[in-house]
Amino acid sequence: MESPSYGLWTLVAINSAIFILFGYSFFKPQTKRDWRSFGAFSAFLVALFTEMYGFPLTIYFLSGWLQSNYPEVDWLSHDAGHLPEMLFGWRAFPHLGPFHLLSMVIIGAGFLLLSAAWRVLYQAQRKGTLAKTGPYAYVRHPQYVGFILVMLGFLFQWPTLLTLLMFPVLVWMYVRLARHEEQEAIAAFGIEYDAYAERVPGFIPGFRRLTLGHEGRGP
């Protein structure tokens, strides 16, 4: 049996700092609203790494059911924290498991989207124009979509009760922030933004727009 892999608070701090700084380098918050959305994202990361290396609250909470149904698993080992791989039987090396690999793809896509969206938004703000190119040609709020993708990717890799509860709350918060931003954009750009919003979905790009570049309307 492996020795317990928790109580490693230095790793909690280091990993939280690395990913928060990584996210900062992609997002580059400037306004109070930017900092609010980035702060919520940072809180999600701290909660995640606290359970990953500090205290496995989810494992303890589910320990009775887990031990009864999977008695062969050492639930206090680090690998056991990859619950999807454990529950679906991928226990040889969970870092190469399907859920973990999928999570890395989703996380990478989220960070790339954040970076691409920030470049377009920064140039538009400098010129005083509406951001409509790059990721903004497919969704009106690509930066919030990027944050959501990163959090979703981590949930595939290391789901915890706290982050599962935080995720829908943060998504709701990002939707509300996006609505506030839209009101400001309408005040600033008027008919131009109305026409843009008529063509481009808010958060979920249309399939035809992704594949053929057709314009469409969505949520």
C-alpha atoms as a PDB file:
ATOM      1  CA  MET A   1       0.000   0.000   0.000  1.00  0.00           C
ATOM      2  CA  GLU A   2       1.277   3.457  -0.927  1.00  0.00           C
ATOM      3  CA  SER A   3       1.821   6.000   1.808  1.00  0.00           C
ATOM      4  CA  PRO A   4      -0.774   8.811   1.993  1.00  0.00           C
ATOM      5  CA  SER A   5      -0.166  11.556  -0.535  1.00  0.00           C
ATOM      6  CA  TYR A   6      -1.882  14.461   1.216  1.00  0.00           C
ATOM      7  CA  GLY A   7      -0.955  17.178   3.663  1.00  0.00           C
ATOM      8  CA  LEU A   8       1.439  18.543   1.032  1.00  0.00           C
ATOM      9  CA  TRP A   9       0.526  22.185   1.510  1.00  0.00           C
ATOM     10  CA  THR A  10       3.643  23.442  -0.227  1.00  0.00           C
ATOM     11  CA  LEU A  11       2.472  21.703  -3.395  1.00  0.00           C
ATOM     12  CA  VAL A  12      -0.963  23.253  -2.931  1.00  0.00           C
ATOM     13  CA  ALA A  13       0.611  26.711  -2.849  1.00  0.00           C
ATOM     14  CA  ILE A  14       3.048  26.063  -5.718  1.00  0.00           C
ATOM     15  CA  ASN A  15       0.491  24.529  -8.086  1.00  0.00           C
ATOM     16  CA  SER A  16      -2.123  27.164  -7.281  1.00  0.00           C
ATOM     17  CA  ALA A  17       0.396  29.945  -7.917  1.00  0.00           C
ATOM     18  CA  ILE A  18       1.635  28.393 -11.184  1.00  0.00           C
ATOM     19  CA  PHE A  19      -1.820  27.972 -12.706  1.00  0.00           C
ATOM     20  CA  ILE A  20      -3.090  31.314 -11.422  1.00  0.00           C
ATOM     21  CA  LEU A  21      -0.082  33.085 -12.933  1.00  0.00           C
ATOM     22  CA  PHE A  22      -0.492  31.020 -16.088  1.00  0.00           C
ATOM     23  CA  GLY A  23      -4.115  32.110 -16.318  1.00  0.00           C
ATOM     24  CA  TYR A  24      -3.108  35.716 -15.616  1.00  0.00           C
ATOM     25  CA  SER A  25      -0.603  35.662 -18.466  1.00  0.00           C
ATOM     26  CA  PHE A  26      -3.367  34.578 -20.864  1.00  0.00           C
ATOM     27  CA  PHE A  27      -6.196  36.758 -19.546  1.00  0.00           C
ATOM     28  CA  LYS A  28      -4.408  39.915 -18.312  1.00  0.00           C
ATOM     29  CA  PRO A  29      -7.260  41.391 -16.223  1.00  0.00           C
ATOM     30  CA  GLN A  30      -7.555  45.161 -16.302  1.00  0.00           C
ATOM     31  CA  THR A  31     -11.026  46.263 -15.175  1.00  0.00           C
ATOM     32  CA  LYS A  32     -12.785  45.497 -11.890  1.00  0.00           C
ATOM     33  CA  ARG A  33     -15.012  43.063 -13.771  1.00  0.00           C
ATOM     34  CA  ASP A  34     -11.947  41.322 -15.208  1.00  0.00           C
ATOM     35  CA  TRP A  35     -10.484  40.938 -11.733  1.00  0.00           C
ATOM     36  CA  ARG A  36     -13.778  39.607 -10.386  1.00  0.00           C
ATOM     37  CA  SER A  37     -13.987  36.904 -13.052  1.00  0.00           C
ATOM     38  CA  PHE A  38     -10.307  36.060 -12.657  1.00  0.00           C
ATOM     39  CA  GLY A  39     -10.651  35.929  -8.855  1.00  0.00           C
ATOM     40  CA  ALA A  40     -13.491  33.416  -9.119  1.00  0.00           C
ATOM     41  CA  PHE A  41     -11.375  31.296 -11.452  1.00  0.00           C
ATOM     42  CA  SER A  42      -8.454  31.500  -8.998  1.00  0.00           C
ATOM     43  CA  ALA A  43     -10.699  30.379  -6.113  1.00  0.00           C
ATOM     44  CA  PHE A  44     -11.698  27.339  -8.155  1.00  0.00           C
ATOM     45  CA  LEU A  45      -8.022  26.447  -8.669  1.00  0.00           C
ATOM     46  CA  VAL A  46      -7.171  26.830  -4.972  1.00  0.00           C
ATOM     47  CA  ALA A  47     -10.100  24.591  -4.013  1.00  0.00           C
ATOM     48  CA  LEU A  48      -8.997  22.028  -6.590  1.00  0.00           C
ATOM     49  CA  PHE A  49      -5.353  21.846  -5.521  1.00  0.00           C
ATOM     50  CA  THR A  50      -6.300  21.846  -1.843  1.00  0.00           C
ATOM     51  CA  GLU A  51      -8.067  18.537  -2.395  1.00  0.00           C
ATOM     52  CA  MET A  52      -5.441  17.283  -4.824  1.00  0.00           C
ATOM     53  CA  TYR A  53      -2.516  17.704  -2.429  1.00  0.00           C
ATOM     54  CA  GLY A  54      -3.779  19.045   0.893  1.00  0.00           C
ATOM     55  CA  PHE A  55      -6.881  17.429   2.334  1.00  0.00           C
ATOM     56  CA  PRO A  56      -8.974  14.942   0.279  1.00  0.00           C
ATOM     57  CA  LEU A  57     -12.387  16.031   1.549  1.00  0.00           C
ATOM     58  CA  THR A  58     -14.234  14.244  -1.256  1.00  0.00           C
ATOM     59  CA  ILE A  59     -12.407  10.965  -0.634  1.00  0.00           C
ATOM     60  CA  TYR A  60     -13.158  11.145   3.090  1.00  0.00           C
ATOM     61  CA  PHE A  61     -16.795  12.048   2.497  1.00  0.00           C
ATOM     62  CA  LEU A  62     -17.271   9.119   0.089  1.00  0.00           C
ATOM     63  CA  SER A  63     -14.854   6.764   1.864  1.00  0.00           C
ATOM     64  CA  GLY A  64     -17.501   4.338   3.112  1.00  0.00           C
ATOM     65  CA  TRP A  65     -19.076   3.840  -0.306  1.00  0.00           C
ATOM     66  CA  LEU A  66     -15.726   3.777  -2.108  1.00  0.00           C
ATOM     67  CA  GLN A  67     -14.155   1.237   0.223  1.00  0.00           C
ATOM     68  CA  SER A  68     -17.214  -1.007   0.078  1.00  0.00           C
ATOM     69  CA  ASN A  69     -17.410  -1.019  -3.699  1.00  0.00           C
ATOM     70  CA  TYR A  70     -13.694  -0.790  -4.535  1.00  0.00           C
ATOM     71  CA  PRO A  71     -11.866  -2.506  -1.649  1.00  0.00           C
ATOM     72  CA  GLU A  72      -8.793  -3.158  -3.807  1.00  0.00           C
ATOM     73  CA  VAL A  73      -8.048   0.567  -4.239  1.00  0.00           C
ATOM     74  CA  ASP A  74      -5.875   2.485  -1.793  1.00  0.00           C
ATOM     75  CA  TRP A  75      -8.057   5.591  -1.602  1.00  0.00           C
ATOM     76  CA  LEU A  76      -5.424   7.617   0.242  1.00  0.00           C
ATOM     77  CA  SER A  77      -2.931   7.310  -2.606  1.00  0.00           C
ATOM     78  CA  HIS A  78      -2.528  10.239  -4.961  1.00  0.00           C
ATOM     79  CA  ASP A  79      -3.543   8.222  -8.027  1.00  0.00           C
ATOM     80  CA  ALA A  80      -6.886   7.363  -6.435  1.00  0.00           C
ATOM     81  CA  GLY A  81      -7.839  11.031  -6.580  1.00  0.00           C
ATOM     82  CA  HIS A  82      -8.357  10.550 -10.318  1.00  0.00           C
ATOM     83  CA  LEU A  83     -11.849   9.300  -9.551  1.00  0.00           C
ATOM     84  CA  PRO A  84     -13.115   8.821 -13.138  1.00  0.00           C
ATOM     85  CA  GLU A  85     -10.189   6.513 -13.974  1.00  0.00           C
ATOM     86  CA  MET A  86     -10.604   4.632 -10.699  1.00  0.00           C
ATOM     87  CA  LEU A  87     -14.357   4.192 -11.005  1.00  0.00           C
ATOM     88  CA  PHE A  88     -14.167   3.060 -14.640  1.00  0.00           C
ATOM     89  CA  GLY A  89     -11.305   0.648 -14.002  1.00  0.00           C
ATOM     90  CA  TRP A  90      -8.314   2.513 -15.510  1.00  0.00           C
ATOM     91  CA  ARG A  91      -5.885   2.031 -12.614  1.00  0.00           C
ATOM     92  CA  ALA A  92      -2.528   1.174 -14.164  1.00  0.00           C
ATOM     93  CA  PHE A  93      -1.397   4.772 -14.637  1.00  0.00           C
ATOM     94  CA  PRO A  94      -4.278   7.270 -14.402  1.00  0.00           C
ATOM     95  CA  HIS A  95      -2.265  10.109 -15.939  1.00  0.00           C
ATOM     96  CA  LEU A  96      -2.564   8.227 -19.244  1.00  0.00           C
ATOM     97  CA  GLY A  97      -6.209   7.381 -18.686  1.00  0.00           C
ATOM     98  CA  PRO A  98      -8.874   8.611 -21.132  1.00  0.00           C
ATOM     99  CA  PHE A  99     -10.425  11.122 -18.734  1.00  0.00           C
ATOM    100  CA  HIS A 100      -7.065  12.636 -17.830  1.00  0.00           C
ATOM    101  CA  LEU A 101      -6.000  12.947 -21.476  1.00  0.00           C
ATOM    102  CA  LEU A 102      -9.357  14.474 -22.388  1.00  0.00           C
ATOM    103  CA  SER A 103      -8.979  16.945 -19.539  1.00  0.00           C
ATOM    104  CA  MET A 104      -5.588  18.092 -20.825  1.00  0.00           C
ATOM    105  CA  VAL A 105      -7.038  18.741 -24.278  1.00  0.00           C
ATOM    106  CA  ILE A 106      -9.936  20.760 -22.828  1.00  0.00           C
ATOM    107  CA  ILE A 107      -7.658  22.737 -20.462  1.00  0.00           C
ATOM    108  CA  GLY A 108      -5.229  23.511 -23.291  1.00  0.00           C
ATOM    109  CA  ALA A 109      -8.069  24.631 -25.545  1.00  0.00           C
ATOM    110  CA  GLY A 110      -9.367  26.901 -22.797  1.00  0.00           C
ATOM    111  CA  PHE A 111      -6.022  28.624 -22.267  1.00  0.00           C
ATOM    112  CA  LEU A 112      -5.471  29.022 -26.013  1.00  0.00           C
ATOM    113  CA  LEU A 113      -8.924  30.569 -26.350  1.00  0.00           C
ATOM    114  CA  LEU A 114      -8.174  32.999 -23.519  1.00  0.00           C
ATOM    115  CA  SER A 115      -4.950  34.056 -25.196  1.00  0.00           C
ATOM    116  CA  ALA A 116      -6.435  34.466 -28.671  1.00  0.00           C
ATOM    117  CA  ALA A 117      -9.438  36.389 -27.336  1.00  0.00           C
ATOM    118  CA  TRP A 118      -7.300  38.759 -25.282  1.00  0.00           C
ATOM    119  CA  ARG A 119      -5.167  39.732 -28.276  1.00  0.00           C
ATOM    120  CA  VAL A 120      -8.246  40.637 -30.321  1.00  0.00           C
ATOM    121  CA  LEU A 121      -9.913  42.491 -27.440  1.00  0.00           C
ATOM    122  CA  TYR A 122      -6.745  44.433 -26.609  1.00  0.00           C
ATOM    123  CA  GLN A 123      -6.365  45.667 -30.180  1.00  0.00           C
ATOM    124  CA  ALA A 124     -10.068  46.584 -30.358  1.00  0.00           C
ATOM    125  CA  GLN A 125      -9.872  48.540 -27.103  1.00  0.00           C
ATOM    126  CA  ARG A 126      -6.815  50.450 -28.313  1.00  0.00           C
ATOM    127  CA  LYS A 127      -8.646  51.455 -31.486  1.00  0.00           C
ATOM    128  CA  GLY A 128     -11.992  52.050 -29.772  1.00  0.00           C
ATOM    129  CA  THR A 129     -13.698  49.506 -32.008  1.00  0.00           C
ATOM    130  CA  LEU A 130     -15.864  46.463 -31.396  1.00  0.00           C
ATOM    131  CA  ALA A 131     -14.032  43.127 -31.140  1.00  0.00           C
ATOM    132  CA  LYS A 132     -15.503  40.970 -33.907  1.00  0.00           C
ATOM    133  CA  THR A 133     -12.588  38.970 -35.328  1.00  0.00           C
ATOM    134  CA  GLY A 134     -10.731  35.823 -34.240  1.00  0.00           C
ATOM    135  CA  PRO A 135     -12.651  33.981 -31.505  1.00  0.00           C
ATOM    136  CA  TYR A 136     -15.133  36.872 -31.389  1.00  0.00           C
ATOM    137  CA  ALA A 137     -16.328  35.864 -34.853  1.00  0.00           C
ATOM    138  CA  TYR A 138     -17.679  32.634 -33.339  1.00  0.00           C
ATOM    139  CA  VAL A 139     -18.876  33.623 -29.853  1.00  0.00           C
ATOM    140  CA  ARG A 140     -19.420  37.004 -28.216  1.00  0.00           C
ATOM    141  CA  HIS A 141     -17.735  36.042 -24.926  1.00  0.00           C
ATOM    142  CA  PRO A 142     -14.745  33.816 -25.762  1.00  0.00           C
ATOM    143  CA  GLN A 143     -12.789  34.730 -22.627  1.00  0.00           C
ATOM    144  CA  TYR A 144     -15.543  33.475 -20.349  1.00  0.00           C
ATOM    145  CA  VAL A 145     -15.851  30.377 -22.512  1.00  0.00           C
ATOM    146  CA  GLY A 146     -12.106  29.871 -22.026  1.00  0.00           C
ATOM    147  CA  PHE A 147     -12.421  30.012 -18.231  1.00  0.00           C
ATOM    148  CA  ILE A 148     -15.320  27.561 -18.339  1.00  0.00           C
ATOM    149  CA  LEU A 149     -13.350  25.142 -20.527  1.00  0.00           C
ATOM    150  CA  VAL A 150     -10.355  25.188 -18.172  1.00  0.00           C
ATOM    151  CA  MET A 151     -12.552  24.488 -15.150  1.00  0.00           C
ATOM    152  CA  LEU A 152     -14.441  21.768 -17.011  1.00  0.00           C
ATOM    153  CA  GLY A 153     -11.152  20.151 -17.997  1.00  0.00           C
ATOM    154  CA  PHE A 154     -10.016  20.020 -14.379  1.00  0.00           C
ATOM    155  CA  LEU A 155     -13.334  18.425 -13.405  1.00  0.00           C
ATOM    156  CA  PHE A 156     -12.670  15.589 -15.857  1.00  0.00           C
ATOM    157  CA  GLN A 157      -9.217  15.136 -14.352  1.00  0.00           C
ATOM    158  CA  TRP A 158      -9.867  15.541 -10.624  1.00  0.00           C
ATOM    159  CA  PRO A 159     -13.533  16.020  -9.674  1.00  0.00           C
ATOM    160  CA  THR A 160     -14.261  17.054  -6.097  1.00  0.00           C
ATOM    161  CA  LEU A 161     -17.491  17.831  -4.304  1.00  0.00           C
ATOM    162  CA  LEU A 162     -16.474  21.452  -3.753  1.00  0.00           C
ATOM    163  CA  THR A 163     -15.416  22.166  -7.338  1.00  0.00           C
ATOM    164  CA  LEU A 164     -18.508  20.378  -8.665  1.00  0.00           C
ATOM    165  CA  LEU A 165     -20.608  22.723  -6.533  1.00  0.00           C
ATOM    166  CA  MET A 166     -18.557  25.766  -7.534  1.00  0.00           C
ATOM    167  CA  PHE A 167     -18.655  25.080 -11.273  1.00  0.00           C
ATOM    168  CA  PRO A 168     -22.350  25.883 -11.987  1.00  0.00           C
ATOM    169  CA  VAL A 169     -22.179  28.895  -9.659  1.00  0.00           C
ATOM    170  CA  LEU A 170     -19.160  30.262 -11.545  1.00  0.00           C
ATOM    171  CA  VAL A 171     -20.785  29.587 -14.920  1.00  0.00           C
ATOM    172  CA  TRP A 172     -23.850  31.521 -13.734  1.00  0.00           C
ATOM    173  CA  MET A 173     -21.586  34.342 -12.545  1.00  0.00           C
ATOM    174  CA  TYR A 174     -19.803  34.523 -15.914  1.00  0.00           C
ATOM    175  CA  VAL A 175     -23.133  34.637 -17.742  1.00  0.00           C
ATOM    176  CA  ARG A 176     -24.227  37.544 -15.553  1.00  0.00           C
ATOM    177  CA  LEU A 177     -20.944  39.380 -16.103  1.00  0.00           C
ATOM    178  CA  ALA A 178     -21.326  38.835 -19.835  1.00  0.00           C
ATOM    179  CA  ARG A 179     -24.815  40.345 -19.774  1.00  0.00           C
ATOM    180  CA  HIS A 180     -23.502  43.425 -17.984  1.00  0.00           C
ATOM    181  CA  GLU A 181     -20.743  43.765 -20.579  1.00  0.00           C
ATOM    182  CA  GLU A 182     -23.297  43.516 -23.362  1.00  0.00           C
ATOM    183  CA  GLN A 183     -25.271  46.412 -21.923  1.00  0.00           C
ATOM    184  CA  GLU A 184     -22.105  48.504 -21.895  1.00  0.00           C
ATOM    185  CA  ALA A 185     -21.317  47.453 -25.468  1.00  0.00           C
ATOM    186  CA  ILE A 186     -24.821  48.415 -26.590  1.00  0.00           C
ATOM    187  CA  ALA A 187     -24.394  51.820 -24.962  1.00  0.00           C
ATOM    188  CA  ALA A 188     -21.022  52.276 -26.671  1.00  0.00           C
ATOM    189  CA  PHE A 189     -21.673  50.798 -30.131  1.00  0.00           C
ATOM    190  CA  GLY A 190     -25.460  50.810 -30.463  1.00  0.00           C
ATOM    191  CA  ILE A 191     -26.764  49.362 -33.721  1.00  0.00           C
ATOM    192  CA  GLU A 192     -23.373  47.881 -34.607  1.00  0.00           C
ATOM    193  CA  TYR A 193     -23.415  45.684 -31.507  1.00  0.00           C
ATOM    194  CA  ASP A 194     -27.080  44.761 -32.035  1.00  0.00           C
ATOM    195  CA  ALA A 195     -26.238  43.537 -35.526  1.00  0.00           C
ATOM    196  CA  TYR A 196     -23.198  41.653 -34.217  1.00  0.00           C
ATOM    197  CA  ALA A 197     -25.247  39.989 -31.451  1.00  0.00           C
ATOM    198  CA  GLU A 198     -27.863  39.023 -34.030  1.00  0.00           C
ATOM    199  CA  ARG A 199     -25.239  37.108 -36.004  1.00  0.00           C
ATOM    200  CA  VAL A 200     -22.930  35.668 -33.351  1.00  0.00           C
ATOM    201  CA  PRO A 201     -23.956  33.385 -30.443  1.00  0.00           C
ATOM    202  CA  GLY A 202     -23.053  34.324 -26.886  1.00  0.00           C
ATOM    203  CA  PHE A 203     -21.279  31.220 -25.594  1.00  0.00           C
ATOM    204  CA  ILE A 204     -21.902  28.197 -27.843  1.00  0.00           C
ATOM    205  CA  PRO A 205     -20.779  28.508 -31.477  1.00  0.00           C
ATOM    206  CA  GLY A 206     -23.082  27.074 -34.095  1.00  0.00           C
ATOM    207  CA  PHE A 207     -21.862  23.956 -35.857  1.00  0.00           C
ATOM    208  CA  ARG A 208     -22.279  25.499 -39.300  1.00  0.00           C
ATOM    209  CA  ARG A 209     -20.345  28.590 -38.217  1.00  0.00           C
ATOM    210  CA  LEU A 210     -17.461  26.417 -37.000  1.00  0.00           C
ATOM    211  CA  THR A 211     -17.328  24.255 -40.094  1.00  0.00           C
ATOM    212  CA  LEU A 212     -18.458  26.573 -42.902  1.00  0.00           C
ATOM    213  CA  GLY A 213     -18.135  30.047 -41.445  1.00  0.00           C
ATOM    214  CA  HIS A 214     -21.872  30.665 -41.820  1.00  0.00           C
ATOM    215  CA  GLU A 215     -23.461  33.232 -39.602  1.00  0.00           C
ATOM    216  CA  GLY A 216     -25.962  32.089 -37.002  1.00  0.00           C
ATOM    217  CA  ARG A 217     -27.701  33.080 -33.867  1.00  0.00           C
ATOM    218  CA  GLY A 218     -27.463  31.250 -30.559  1.00  0.00           C
ATOM    219  CA  PRO A 219     -27.473  31.544 -26.799  1.00  0.00           C
END
